[in-house]
Amino acid sequence: MRPASRTAGFGLLACGLVLFLAAAATAADLDAGKNLYLSRCLFCHGEAGKGDGPAARGLKPPPTNLATAEYWRTASVERMKGIIADGIPGSAMLPFKSALRPDQIDTVVDYIQTFKPAP
């Protein structure tokens, strides 16, 4: 192998390793987000985010269905983070900023995005 092609080969290998590690971190983050969702959100929003958790029936207004195209037309990462951190006044959506760190809120939001319906 010539020196220039050897350098290019190492560069490709390094890029591949970085992409592999990033994908592994993303999968770990999604697992962490799922675990937090299941322990903190499922009771109201349900396992698939449809607003049909065990407590949903008695809540007024009902929990948001996070799995509809209508929800995702106006949803944004920043808005979801704000709602999780600060809650929604006049609803059962309590603020979680004292219970979850910002990085934990980020992982929950990443997981909630898996509920987005396919176009």
PDB file of N, CA and C in Angstrom:
ATOM      1  N   MET A   1       0.850  -1.174   0.000  1.00  0.00           N
ATOM      2  CA  MET A   1       0.000   0.000   0.000  1.00  0.00           C
ATOM      3  C   MET A   1       0.891   1.232   0.000  1.00  0.00           C
ATOM      4  N   ARG A   2       0.595   2.165  -0.871  1.00  0.00           N
ATOM      5  CA  ARG A   2       1.366   3.404  -0.924  1.00  0.00           C
ATOM      6  C   ARG A   2       1.000   4.271   0.275  1.00  0.00           C
ATOM      7  N   PRO A   3       1.905   5.161   0.719  1.00  0.00           N
ATOM      8  CA  PRO A   3       1.630   5.988   1.895  1.00  0.00           C
ATOM      9  C   PRO A   3       0.354   6.824   1.775  1.00  0.00           C
ATOM     10  N   ALA A   4       0.068   7.411   0.608  1.00  0.00           N
ATOM     11  CA  ALA A   4      -1.127   8.244   0.466  1.00  0.00           C
ATOM     12  C   ALA A   4      -2.390   7.399   0.602  1.00  0.00           C
ATOM     13  N   SER A   5      -2.404   6.211   0.003  1.00  0.00           N
ATOM     14  CA  SER A   5      -3.599   5.376   0.102  1.00  0.00           C
ATOM     15  C   SER A   5      -3.741   4.794   1.511  1.00  0.00           C
ATOM     16  N   ARG A   6      -2.619   4.557   2.166  1.00  0.00           N
ATOM     17  CA  ARG A   6      -2.669   4.067   3.548  1.00  0.00           C
ATOM     18  C   ARG A   6      -3.296   5.132   4.449  1.00  0.00           C
ATOM     19  N   THR A   7      -2.920   6.394   4.251  1.00  0.00           N
ATOM     20  CA  THR A   7      -3.477   7.499   5.040  1.00  0.00           C
ATOM     21  C   THR A   7      -4.973   7.619   4.772  1.00  0.00           C
ATOM     22  N   ALA A   8      -5.356   7.529   3.501  1.00  0.00           N
ATOM     23  CA  ALA A   8      -6.782   7.603   3.168  1.00  0.00           C
ATOM     24  C   ALA A   8      -7.540   6.441   3.803  1.00  0.00           C
ATOM     25  N   GLY A   9      -6.943   5.265   3.802  1.00  0.00           N
ATOM     26  CA  GLY A   9      -7.584   4.099   4.411  1.00  0.00           C
ATOM     27  C   GLY A   9      -7.792   4.281   5.904  1.00  0.00           C
ATOM     28  N   PHE A  10      -6.790   4.818   6.589  1.00  0.00           N
ATOM     29  CA  PHE A  10      -6.935   5.089   8.021  1.00  0.00           C
ATOM     30  C   PHE A  10      -7.991   6.153   8.272  1.00  0.00           C
ATOM     31  N   GLY A  11      -8.066   7.146   7.387  1.00  0.00           N
ATOM     32  CA  GLY A  11      -9.080   8.200   7.526  1.00  0.00           C
ATOM     33  C   GLY A  11     -10.481   7.624   7.412  1.00  0.00           C
ATOM     34  N   LEU A  12     -10.676   6.734   6.438  1.00  0.00           N
ATOM     35  CA  LEU A  12     -11.986   6.089   6.288  1.00  0.00           C
ATOM     36  C   LEU A  12     -12.317   5.215   7.488  1.00  0.00           C
ATOM     37  N   LEU A  13     -11.328   4.517   7.983  1.00  0.00           N
ATOM     38  CA  LEU A  13     -11.530   3.672   9.158  1.00  0.00           C
ATOM     39  C   LEU A  13     -11.923   4.529  10.366  1.00  0.00           C
ATOM     40  N   ALA A  14     -11.241   5.643  10.558  1.00  0.00           N
ATOM     41  CA  ALA A  14     -11.549   6.539  11.681  1.00  0.00           C
ATOM     42  C   ALA A  14     -12.966   7.094  11.556  1.00  0.00           C
ATOM     43  N   CYS A  15     -13.354   7.496  10.331  1.00  0.00           N
ATOM     44  CA  CYS A  15     -14.714   8.010  10.117  1.00  0.00           C
ATOM     45  C   CYS A  15     -15.753   6.933  10.419  1.00  0.00           C
ATOM     46  N   GLY A  16     -15.479   5.723   9.982  1.00  0.00           N
ATOM     47  CA  GLY A  16     -16.404   4.622  10.243  1.00  0.00           C
ATOM     48  C   GLY A  16     -16.540   4.353  11.728  1.00  0.00           C
ATOM     49  N   LEU A  17     -15.427   4.410  12.452  1.00  0.00           N
ATOM     50  CA  LEU A  17     -15.455   4.185  13.889  1.00  0.00           C
ATOM     51  C   LEU A  17     -16.263   5.284  14.589  1.00  0.00           C
ATOM     52  N   VAL A  18     -16.081   6.522  14.187  1.00  0.00           N
ATOM     53  CA  VAL A  18     -16.832   7.631  14.777  1.00  0.00           C
ATOM     54  C   VAL A  18     -18.324   7.447  14.528  1.00  0.00           C
ATOM     55  N   LEU A  19     -18.716   7.079  13.306  1.00  0.00           N
ATOM     56  CA  LEU A  19     -20.129   6.855  12.993  1.00  0.00           C
ATOM     57  C   LEU A  19     -20.694   5.690  13.793  1.00  0.00           C
ATOM     58  N   PHE A  20     -19.917   4.637  13.936  1.00  0.00           N
ATOM     59  CA  PHE A  20     -20.362   3.487  14.724  1.00  0.00           C
ATOM     60  C   PHE A  20     -20.601   3.884  16.180  1.00  0.00           C
ATOM     61  N   LEU A  21     -19.670   4.620  16.767  1.00  0.00           N
ATOM     62  CA  LEU A  21     -19.812   5.041  18.164  1.00  0.00           C
ATOM     63  C   LEU A  21     -20.982   6.008  18.335  1.00  0.00           C
ATOM     64  N   ALA A  22     -21.198   6.878  17.359  1.00  0.00           N
ATOM     65  CA  ALA A  22     -22.335   7.808  17.434  1.00  0.00           C
ATOM     66  C   ALA A  22     -23.649   7.038  17.384  1.00  0.00           C
ATOM     67  N   ALA A  23     -23.730   6.027  16.533  1.00  0.00           N
ATOM     68  CA  ALA A  23     -24.951   5.220  16.443  1.00  0.00           C
ATOM     69  C   ALA A  23     -25.183   4.459  17.745  1.00  0.00           C
ATOM     70  N   ALA A  24     -24.136   3.948  18.353  1.00  0.00           N
ATOM     71  CA  ALA A  24     -24.266   3.234  19.621  1.00  0.00           C
ATOM     72  C   ALA A  24     -24.739   4.182  20.715  1.00  0.00           C
ATOM     73  N   ALA A  25     -24.198   5.394  20.743  1.00  0.00           N
ATOM     74  CA  ALA A  25     -24.625   6.372  21.748  1.00  0.00           C
ATOM     75  C   ALA A  25     -26.085   6.731  21.536  1.00  0.00           C
ATOM     76  N   THR A  26     -26.508   6.872  20.290  1.00  0.00           N
ATOM     77  CA  THR A  26     -27.898   7.202  20.001  1.00  0.00           C
ATOM     78  C   THR A  26     -28.821   6.085  20.481  1.00  0.00           C
ATOM     79  N   ALA A  27     -28.437   4.851  20.224  1.00  0.00           N
ATOM     80  CA  ALA A  27     -29.252   3.724  20.681  1.00  0.00           C
ATOM     81  C   ALA A  27     -29.327   3.701  22.205  1.00  0.00           C
ATOM     82  N   ALA A  28     -28.213   3.975  22.873  1.00  0.00           N
ATOM     83  CA  ALA A  28     -28.213   4.011  24.337  1.00  0.00           C
ATOM     84  C   ALA A  28     -29.088   5.152  24.843  1.00  0.00           C
ATOM     85  N   ASP A  29     -29.016   6.317  24.178  1.00  0.00           N
ATOM     86  CA  ASP A  29     -29.853   7.450  24.565  1.00  0.00           C
ATOM     87  C   ASP A  29     -31.333   7.116  24.394  1.00  0.00           C
ATOM     88  N   LEU A  30     -31.679   6.458  23.282  1.00  0.00           N
ATOM     89  CA  LEU A  30     -33.082   6.077  23.071  1.00  0.00           C
ATOM     90  C   LEU A  30     -33.554   5.101  24.144  1.00  0.00           C
ATOM     91  N   ASP A  31     -32.699   4.175  24.521  1.00  0.00           N
ATOM     92  CA  ASP A  31     -33.064   3.238  25.598  1.00  0.00           C
ATOM     93  C   ASP A  31     -33.272   3.992  26.909  1.00  0.00           C
ATOM     94  N   ALA A  32     -32.388   4.940  27.200  1.00  0.00           N
ATOM     95  CA  ALA A  32     -32.530   5.738  28.429  1.00  0.00           C
ATOM     96  C   ALA A  32     -33.815   6.561  28.370  1.00  0.00           C
ATOM     97  N   GLY A  33     -34.092   7.154  27.215  1.00  0.00           N
ATOM     98  CA  GLY A  33     -35.320   7.934  27.048  1.00  0.00           C
ATOM     99  C   GLY A  33     -36.555   7.070  27.196  1.00  0.00           C
ATOM    100  N   LYS A  34     -36.498   5.877  26.639  1.00  0.00           N
ATOM    101  CA  LYS A  34     -37.636   4.950  26.760  1.00  0.00           C
ATOM    102  C   LYS A  34     -37.866   4.582  28.220  1.00  0.00           C
ATOM    103  N   ASN A  35     -36.792   4.278  28.940  1.00  0.00           N
ATOM    104  CA  ASN A  35     -36.937   3.907  30.354  1.00  0.00           C
ATOM    105  C   ASN A  35     -37.524   5.056  31.172  1.00  0.00           C
ATOM    106  N   LEU A  36     -37.068   6.286  30.911  1.00  0.00           N
ATOM    107  CA  LEU A  36     -37.629   7.441  31.611  1.00  0.00           C
ATOM    108  C   LEU A  36     -39.094   7.639  31.229  1.00  0.00           C
ATOM    109  N   TYR A  37     -39.395   7.508  29.943  1.00  0.00           N
ATOM    110  CA  TYR A  37     -40.784   7.652  29.492  1.00  0.00           C
ATOM    111  C   TYR A  37     -41.677   6.628  30.199  1.00  0.00           C
ATOM    112  N   LEU A  38     -41.240   5.382  30.217  1.00  0.00           N
ATOM    113  CA  LEU A  38     -42.047   4.327  30.826  1.00  0.00           C
ATOM    114  C   LEU A  38     -42.251   4.550  32.326  1.00  0.00           C
ATOM    115  N   SER A  39     -41.272   5.162  32.982  1.00  0.00           N
ATOM    116  CA  SER A  39     -41.400   5.376  34.424  1.00  0.00           C
ATOM    117  C   SER A  39     -42.087   6.696  34.773  1.00  0.00           C
ATOM    118  N   ARG A  40     -42.059   7.683  33.871  1.00  0.00           N
ATOM    119  CA  ARG A  40     -42.587   9.009  34.209  1.00  0.00           C
ATOM    120  C   ARG A  40     -43.810   9.435  33.386  1.00  0.00           C
ATOM    121  N   CYS A  41     -43.972   8.889  32.191  1.00  0.00           N
ATOM    122  CA  CYS A  41     -44.981   9.402  31.253  1.00  0.00           C
ATOM    123  C   CYS A  41     -46.086   8.404  30.918  1.00  0.00           C
ATOM    124  N   LEU A  42     -45.762   7.125  30.972  1.00  0.00           N
ATOM    125  CA  LEU A  42     -46.696   6.075  30.562  1.00  0.00           C
ATOM    126  C   LEU A  42     -48.019   6.143  31.308  1.00  0.00           C
ATOM    127  N   PHE A  43     -47.997   6.477  32.573  1.00  0.00           N
ATOM    128  CA  PHE A  43     -49.212   6.450  33.386  1.00  0.00           C
ATOM    129  C   PHE A  43     -50.311   7.319  32.774  1.00  0.00           C
ATOM    130  N   CYS A  44     -49.937   8.439  32.169  1.00  0.00           N
ATOM    131  CA  CYS A  44     -50.922   9.323  31.529  1.00  0.00           C
ATOM    132  C   CYS A  44     -50.963   9.148  30.008  1.00  0.00           C
ATOM    133  N   HIS A  45     -49.782   9.113  29.388  1.00  0.00           N
ATOM    134  CA  HIS A  45     -49.723   9.113  27.921  1.00  0.00           C
ATOM    135  C   HIS A  45     -49.819   7.730  27.287  1.00  0.00           C
ATOM    136  N   GLY A  46     -49.670   6.671  28.082  1.00  0.00           N
ATOM    137  CA  GLY A  46     -49.756   5.320  27.540  1.00  0.00           C
ATOM    138  C   GLY A  46     -48.454   4.854  26.932  1.00  0.00           C
ATOM    139  N   GLU A  47     -48.360   3.566  26.730  1.00  0.00           N
ATOM    140  CA  GLU A  47     -47.123   2.950  26.245  1.00  0.00           C
ATOM    141  C   GLU A  47     -46.703   3.469  24.878  1.00  0.00           C
ATOM    142  N   ALA A  48     -47.645   3.698  23.994  1.00  0.00           N
ATOM    143  CA  ALA A  48     -47.323   4.163  22.636  1.00  0.00           C
ATOM    144  C   ALA A  48     -47.575   5.662  22.461  1.00  0.00           C
ATOM    145  N   GLY A  49     -47.768   6.388  23.571  1.00  0.00           N
ATOM    146  CA  GLY A  49     -47.931   7.836  23.497  1.00  0.00           C
ATOM    147  C   GLY A  49     -49.292   8.304  23.020  1.00  0.00           C
ATOM    148  N   LYS A  50     -50.289   7.438  23.044  1.00  0.00           N
ATOM    149  CA  LYS A  50     -51.598   7.783  22.478  1.00  0.00           C
ATOM    150  C   LYS A  50     -52.534   8.495  23.465  1.00  0.00           C
ATOM    151  N   GLY A  51     -52.009   8.849  24.647  1.00  0.00           N
ATOM    152  CA  GLY A  51     -52.846   9.523  25.633  1.00  0.00           C
ATOM    153  C   GLY A  51     -53.825   8.588  26.310  1.00  0.00           C
ATOM    154  N   ASP A  52     -53.520   7.299  26.298  1.00  0.00           N
ATOM    155  CA  ASP A  52     -54.449   6.289  26.816  1.00  0.00           C
ATOM    156  C   ASP A  52     -53.872   5.494  27.985  1.00  0.00           C
ATOM    157  N   GLY A  53     -53.033   6.148  28.783  1.00  0.00           N
ATOM    158  CA  GLY A  53     -52.464   5.475  29.945  1.00  0.00           C
ATOM    159  C   GLY A  53     -53.519   5.194  30.999  1.00  0.00           C
ATOM    160  N   PRO A  54     -53.176   4.432  32.025  1.00  0.00           N
ATOM    161  CA  PRO A  54     -54.138   4.056  33.059  1.00  0.00           C
ATOM    162  C   PRO A  54     -54.824   5.238  33.746  1.00  0.00           C
ATOM    163  N   ALA A  55     -54.143   6.379  33.859  1.00  0.00           N
ATOM    164  CA  ALA A  55     -54.741   7.542  34.527  1.00  0.00           C
ATOM    165  C   ALA A  55     -55.504   8.445  33.572  1.00  0.00           C
ATOM    166  N   ALA A  56     -55.386   8.223  32.289  1.00  0.00           N
ATOM    167  CA  ALA A  56     -55.923   9.143  31.281  1.00  0.00           C
ATOM    168  C   ALA A  56     -57.425   9.345  31.398  1.00  0.00           C
ATOM    169  N   ARG A  57     -58.135   8.306  31.688  1.00  0.00           N
ATOM    170  CA  ARG A  57     -59.600   8.358  31.720  1.00  0.00           C
ATOM    171  C   ARG A  57     -60.121   9.437  32.676  1.00  0.00           C
ATOM    172  N   GLY A  58     -59.443   9.652  33.786  1.00  0.00           N
ATOM    173  CA  GLY A  58     -59.914  10.606  34.777  1.00  0.00           C
ATOM    174  C   GLY A  58     -59.343  12.005  34.635  1.00  0.00           C
ATOM    175  N   LEU A  59     -58.551  12.255  33.603  1.00  0.00           N
ATOM    176  CA  LEU A  59     -57.897  13.566  33.481  1.00  0.00           C
ATOM    177  C   LEU A  59     -58.660  14.499  32.552  1.00  0.00           C
ATOM    178  N   LYS A  60     -58.816  15.729  33.002  1.00  0.00           N
ATOM    179  CA  LYS A  60     -59.457  16.784  32.207  1.00  0.00           C
ATOM    180  C   LYS A  60     -58.541  17.991  32.203  1.00  0.00           C
ATOM    181  N   PRO A  61     -58.052  18.450  31.097  1.00  0.00           N
ATOM    182  CA  PRO A  61     -58.171  17.838  29.779  1.00  0.00           C
ATOM    183  C   PRO A  61     -57.386  16.529  29.707  1.00  0.00           C
ATOM    184  N   PRO A  62     -57.733  15.690  28.734  1.00  0.00           N
ATOM    185  CA  PRO A  62     -57.027  14.411  28.604  1.00  0.00           C
ATOM    186  C   PRO A  62     -55.579  14.633  28.172  1.00  0.00           C
ATOM    187  N   PRO A  63     -54.714  13.657  28.433  1.00  0.00           N
ATOM    188  CA  PRO A  63     -53.322  13.770  27.988  1.00  0.00           C
ATOM    189  C   PRO A  63     -53.235  13.873  26.468  1.00  0.00           C
ATOM    190  N   THR A  64     -52.241  14.572  26.010  1.00  0.00           N
ATOM    191  CA  THR A  64     -52.015  14.719  24.575  1.00  0.00           C
ATOM    192  C   THR A  64     -51.680  13.380  23.943  1.00  0.00           C
ATOM    193  N   ASN A  65     -52.273  13.122  22.778  1.00  0.00           N
ATOM    194  CA  ASN A  65     -51.920  11.956  21.978  1.00  0.00           C
ATOM    195  C   ASN A  65     -50.683  12.341  21.185  1.00  0.00           C
ATOM    196  N   LEU A  66     -49.551  11.766  21.556  1.00  0.00           N
ATOM    197  CA  LEU A  66     -48.258  12.096  20.943  1.00  0.00           C
ATOM    198  C   LEU A  66     -47.993  11.313  19.666  1.00  0.00           C
ATOM    199  N   ALA A  67     -48.964  10.541  19.217  1.00  0.00           N
ATOM    200  CA  ALA A  67     -48.760   9.657  18.068  1.00  0.00           C
ATOM    201  C   ALA A  67     -49.605  10.047  16.856  1.00  0.00           C
ATOM    202  N   THR A  68     -50.136  11.266  16.829  1.00  0.00           N
ATOM    203  CA  THR A  68     -50.972  11.671  15.694  1.00  0.00           C
ATOM    204  C   THR A  68     -50.240  12.659  14.789  1.00  0.00           C
ATOM    205  N   ALA A  69     -50.593  12.630  13.527  1.00  0.00           N
ATOM    206  CA  ALA A  69     -50.025  13.592  12.577  1.00  0.00           C
ATOM    207  C   ALA A  69     -50.394  15.013  12.989  1.00  0.00           C
ATOM    208  N   GLU A  70     -51.580  15.187  13.538  1.00  0.00           N
ATOM    209  CA  GLU A  70     -52.009  16.516  13.993  1.00  0.00           C
ATOM    210  C   GLU A  70     -51.060  17.067  15.058  1.00  0.00           C
ATOM    211  N   TYR A  71     -50.701  16.253  16.024  1.00  0.00           N
ATOM    212  CA  TYR A  71     -49.763  16.688  17.062  1.00  0.00           C
ATOM    213  C   TYR A  71     -48.431  17.104  16.440  1.00  0.00           C
ATOM    214  N   TRP A  72     -47.937  16.296  15.519  1.00  0.00           N
ATOM    215  CA  TRP A  72     -46.609  16.528  14.955  1.00  0.00           C
ATOM    216  C   TRP A  72     -46.558  17.706  13.986  1.00  0.00           C
ATOM    217  N   ARG A  73     -47.717  18.189  13.532  1.00  0.00           N
ATOM    218  CA  ARG A  73     -47.715  19.387  12.675  1.00  0.00           C
ATOM    219  C   ARG A  73     -47.216  20.613  13.432  1.00  0.00           C
ATOM    220  N   THR A  74     -47.450  20.666  14.739  1.00  0.00           N
ATOM    221  CA  THR A  74     -47.041  21.829  15.527  1.00  0.00           C
ATOM    222  C   THR A  74     -45.950  21.517  16.546  1.00  0.00           C
ATOM    223  N   ALA A  75     -45.590  20.257  16.705  1.00  0.00           N
ATOM    224  CA  ALA A  75     -44.584  19.870  17.700  1.00  0.00           C
ATOM    225  C   ALA A  75     -43.194  20.300  17.250  1.00  0.00           C
ATOM    226  N   SER A  76     -42.389  20.669  18.220  1.00  0.00           N
ATOM    227  CA  SER A  76     -40.965  20.939  17.966  1.00  0.00           C
ATOM    228  C   SER A  76     -40.190  20.438  19.173  1.00  0.00           C
ATOM    229  N   VAL A  77     -38.921  20.186  18.970  1.00  0.00           N
ATOM    230  CA  VAL A  77     -38.077  19.694  20.054  1.00  0.00           C
ATOM    231  C   VAL A  77     -38.082  20.700  21.205  1.00  0.00           C
ATOM    232  N   GLU A  78     -37.896  21.966  20.900  1.00  0.00           N
ATOM    233  CA  GLU A  78     -37.847  22.985  21.960  1.00  0.00           C
ATOM    234  C   GLU A  78     -39.171  23.075  22.712  1.00  0.00           C
ATOM    235  N   ARG A  79     -40.265  23.001  21.999  1.00  0.00           N
ATOM    236  CA  ARG A  79     -41.582  23.076  22.652  1.00  0.00           C
ATOM    237  C   ARG A  79     -41.797  21.864  23.565  1.00  0.00           C
ATOM    238  N   MET A  80     -41.428  20.666  23.091  1.00  0.00           N
ATOM    239  CA  MET A  80     -41.573  19.468  23.923  1.00  0.00           C
ATOM    240  C   MET A  80     -40.710  19.569  25.179  1.00  0.00           C
ATOM    241  N   LYS A  81     -39.475  20.052  25.016  1.00  0.00           N
ATOM    242  CA  LYS A  81     -38.598  20.215  26.175  1.00  0.00           C
ATOM    243  C   LYS A  81     -39.223  21.177  27.182  1.00  0.00           C
ATOM    244  N   GLY A  82     -39.771  22.275  26.689  1.00  0.00           N
ATOM    245  CA  GLY A  82     -40.397  23.257  27.567  1.00  0.00           C
ATOM    246  C   GLY A  82     -41.592  22.693  28.303  1.00  0.00           C
ATOM    247  N   ILE A  83     -42.413  21.930  27.608  1.00  0.00           N
ATOM    248  CA  ILE A  83     -43.597  21.337  28.242  1.00  0.00           C
ATOM    249  C   ILE A  83     -43.185  20.333  29.315  1.00  0.00           C
ATOM    250  N   ILE A  84     -42.201  19.509  29.019  1.00  0.00           N
ATOM    251  CA  ILE A  84     -41.750  18.530  30.018  1.00  0.00           C
ATOM    252  C   ILE A  84     -41.136  19.261  31.216  1.00  0.00           C
ATOM    253  N   ALA A  85     -40.337  20.264  30.969  1.00  0.00           N
ATOM    254  CA  ALA A  85     -39.685  20.994  32.062  1.00  0.00           C
ATOM    255  C   ALA A  85     -40.684  21.790  32.895  1.00  0.00           C
ATOM    256  N   ASP A  86     -41.582  22.510  32.223  1.00  0.00           N
ATOM    257  CA  ASP A  86     -42.443  23.484  32.903  1.00  0.00           C
ATOM    258  C   ASP A  86     -43.889  23.044  33.098  1.00  0.00           C
ATOM    259  N   GLY A  87     -44.287  21.946  32.483  1.00  0.00           N
ATOM    260  CA  GLY A  87     -45.660  21.485  32.591  1.00  0.00           C
ATOM    261  C   GLY A  87     -46.610  22.352  31.775  1.00  0.00           C
ATOM    262  N   ILE A  88     -47.907  22.085  31.915  1.00  0.00           N
ATOM    263  CA  ILE A  88     -48.949  22.864  31.239  1.00  0.00           C
ATOM    264  C   ILE A  88     -49.947  23.301  32.305  1.00  0.00           C
ATOM    265  N   PRO A  89     -49.969  24.610  32.602  1.00  0.00           N
ATOM    266  CA  PRO A  89     -50.928  25.088  33.608  1.00  0.00           C
ATOM    267  C   PRO A  89     -52.363  24.718  33.220  1.00  0.00           C
ATOM    268  N   GLY A  90     -53.164  24.377  34.222  1.00  0.00           N
ATOM    269  CA  GLY A  90     -54.558  24.020  33.983  1.00  0.00           C
ATOM    270  C   GLY A  90     -54.748  22.601  33.492  1.00  0.00           C
ATOM    271  N   SER A  91     -53.678  21.806  33.542  1.00  0.00           N
ATOM    272  CA  SER A  91     -53.774  20.408  33.112  1.00  0.00           C
ATOM    273  C   SER A  91     -53.048  19.533  34.130  1.00  0.00           C
ATOM    274  N   ALA A  92     -53.090  18.245  33.901  1.00  0.00           N
ATOM    275  CA  ALA A  92     -52.380  17.305  34.777  1.00  0.00           C
ATOM    276  C   ALA A  92     -50.904  17.171  34.395  1.00  0.00           C
ATOM    277  N   MET A  93     -50.482  17.875  33.339  1.00  0.00           N
ATOM    278  CA  MET A  93     -49.079  17.811  32.918  1.00  0.00           C
ATOM    279  C   MET A  93     -48.243  18.661  33.868  1.00  0.00           C
ATOM    280  N   LEU A  94     -47.595  17.961  34.795  1.00  0.00           N
ATOM    281  CA  LEU A  94     -46.794  18.614  35.821  1.00  0.00           C
ATOM    282  C   LEU A  94     -45.403  18.957  35.300  1.00  0.00           C
ATOM    283  N   PRO A  95     -44.736  19.931  35.908  1.00  0.00           N
ATOM    284  CA  PRO A  95     -43.352  20.231  35.516  1.00  0.00           C
ATOM    285  C   PRO A  95     -42.401  19.156  36.044  1.00  0.00           C
ATOM    286  N   PHE A  96     -41.453  18.778  35.226  1.00  0.00           N
ATOM    287  CA  PHE A  96     -40.475  17.760  35.602  1.00  0.00           C
ATOM    288  C   PHE A  96     -39.071  18.333  35.762  1.00  0.00           C
ATOM    289  N   LYS A  97     -38.917  19.664  35.676  1.00  0.00           N
ATOM    290  CA  LYS A  97     -37.563  20.229  35.738  1.00  0.00           C
ATOM    291  C   LYS A  97     -36.870  19.980  37.069  1.00  0.00           C
ATOM    292  N   SER A  98     -37.623  19.740  38.134  1.00  0.00           N
ATOM    293  CA  SER A  98     -36.974  19.431  39.407  1.00  0.00           C
ATOM    294  C   SER A  98     -36.720  17.929  39.567  1.00  0.00           C
ATOM    295  N   ALA A  99     -37.337  17.117  38.724  1.00  0.00           N
ATOM    296  CA  ALA A  99     -37.182  15.665  38.811  1.00  0.00           C
ATOM    297  C   ALA A  99     -36.230  15.108  37.756  1.00  0.00           C
ATOM    298  N   LEU A 100     -36.094  15.815  36.631  1.00  0.00           N
ATOM    299  CA  LEU A 100     -35.244  15.344  35.529  1.00  0.00           C
ATOM    300  C   LEU A 100     -34.204  16.400  35.179  1.00  0.00           C
ATOM    301  N   ARG A 101     -32.994  15.944  34.927  1.00  0.00           N
ATOM    302  CA  ARG A 101     -31.935  16.842  34.449  1.00  0.00           C
ATOM    303  C   ARG A 101     -32.218  17.203  32.988  1.00  0.00           C
ATOM    304  N   PRO A 102     -31.658  18.300  32.504  1.00  0.00           N
ATOM    305  CA  PRO A 102     -31.866  18.669  31.095  1.00  0.00           C
ATOM    306  C   PRO A 102     -31.482  17.560  30.109  1.00  0.00           C
ATOM    307  N   ASP A 103     -30.395  16.835  30.386  1.00  0.00           N
ATOM    308  CA  ASP A 103     -30.009  15.753  29.476  1.00  0.00           C
ATOM    309  C   ASP A 103     -31.022  14.613  29.507  1.00  0.00           C
ATOM    310  N   GLN A 104     -31.671  14.402  30.651  1.00  0.00           N
ATOM    311  CA  GLN A 104     -32.712  13.375  30.726  1.00  0.00           C
ATOM    312  C   GLN A 104     -33.954  13.816  29.955  1.00  0.00           C
ATOM    313  N   ILE A 105     -34.294  15.091  30.051  1.00  0.00           N
ATOM    314  CA  ILE A 105     -35.414  15.605  29.264  1.00  0.00           C
ATOM    315  C   ILE A 105     -35.111  15.438  27.781  1.00  0.00           C
ATOM    316  N   ASP A 106     -33.873  15.699  27.388  1.00  0.00           N
ATOM    317  CA  ASP A 106     -33.478  15.508  25.983  1.00  0.00           C
ATOM    318  C   ASP A 106     -33.703  14.075  25.536  1.00  0.00           C
ATOM    319  N   THR A 107     -33.344  13.101  26.370  1.00  0.00           N
ATOM    320  CA  THR A 107     -33.505  11.703  25.959  1.00  0.00           C
ATOM    321  C   THR A 107     -34.983  11.310  25.892  1.00  0.00           C
ATOM    322  N   VAL A 108     -35.803  11.870  26.793  1.00  0.00           N
ATOM    323  CA  VAL A 108     -37.243  11.595  26.722  1.00  0.00           C
ATOM    324  C   VAL A 108     -37.811  12.158  25.423  1.00  0.00           C
ATOM    325  N   VAL A 109     -37.414  13.375  25.070  1.00  0.00           N
ATOM    326  CA  VAL A 109     -37.877  13.989  23.818  1.00  0.00           C
ATOM    327  C   VAL A 109     -37.415  13.154  22.623  1.00  0.00           C
ATOM    328  N   ASP A 110     -36.184  12.680  22.653  1.00  0.00           N
ATOM    329  CA  ASP A 110     -35.705  11.814  21.563  1.00  0.00           C
ATOM    330  C   ASP A 110     -36.593  10.579  21.441  1.00  0.00           C
ATOM    331  N   TYR A 111     -36.954   9.982  22.567  1.00  0.00           N
ATOM    332  CA  TYR A 111     -37.805   8.802  22.531  1.00  0.00           C
ATOM    333  C   TYR A 111     -39.220   9.138  22.050  1.00  0.00           C
ATOM    334  N   ILE A 112     -39.778  10.238  22.524  1.00  0.00           N
ATOM    335  CA  ILE A 112     -41.129  10.637  22.095  1.00  0.00           C
ATOM    336  C   ILE A 112     -41.167  10.807  20.587  1.00  0.00           C
ATOM    337  N   GLN A 113     -40.076  11.239  19.998  1.00  0.00           N
ATOM    338  CA  GLN A 113     -40.054  11.410  18.538  1.00  0.00           C
ATOM    339  C   GLN A 113     -40.227  10.094  17.792  1.00  0.00           C
ATOM    340  N   THR A 114     -40.014   8.970  18.471  1.00  0.00           N
ATOM    341  CA  THR A 114     -40.236   7.672  17.814  1.00  0.00           C
ATOM    342  C   THR A 114     -41.735   7.399  17.628  1.00  0.00           C
ATOM    343  N   PHE A 115     -42.595   8.182  18.278  1.00  0.00           N
ATOM    344  CA  PHE A 115     -44.045   8.026  18.130  1.00  0.00           C
ATOM    345  C   PHE A 115     -44.572   8.726  16.872  1.00  0.00           C
ATOM    346  N   LYS A 116     -43.747   9.535  16.252  1.00  0.00           N
ATOM    347  CA  LYS A 116     -44.175  10.294  15.077  1.00  0.00           C
ATOM    348  C   LYS A 116     -44.593   9.319  13.976  1.00  0.00           C
ATOM    349  N   PRO A 117     -45.832   9.497  13.466  1.00  0.00           N
ATOM    350  CA  PRO A 117     -46.285   8.567  12.414  1.00  0.00           C
ATOM    351  C   PRO A 117     -45.511   8.762  11.113  1.00  0.00           C
ATOM    352  N   ALA A 118     -45.397   7.699  10.362  1.00  0.00           N
ATOM    353  CA  ALA A 118     -44.727   7.774   9.059  1.00  0.00           C
ATOM    354  C   ALA A 118     -45.562   8.670   8.127  1.00  0.00           C
ATOM    355  N   PRO A 119     -44.891   9.420   7.279  1.00  0.00           N
ATOM    356  CA  PRO A 119     -45.647  10.299   6.350  1.00  0.00           C
ATOM    357  C   PRO A 119     -46.481   9.519   5.354  1.00  0.00           C
TER     358      PRO A 119
END
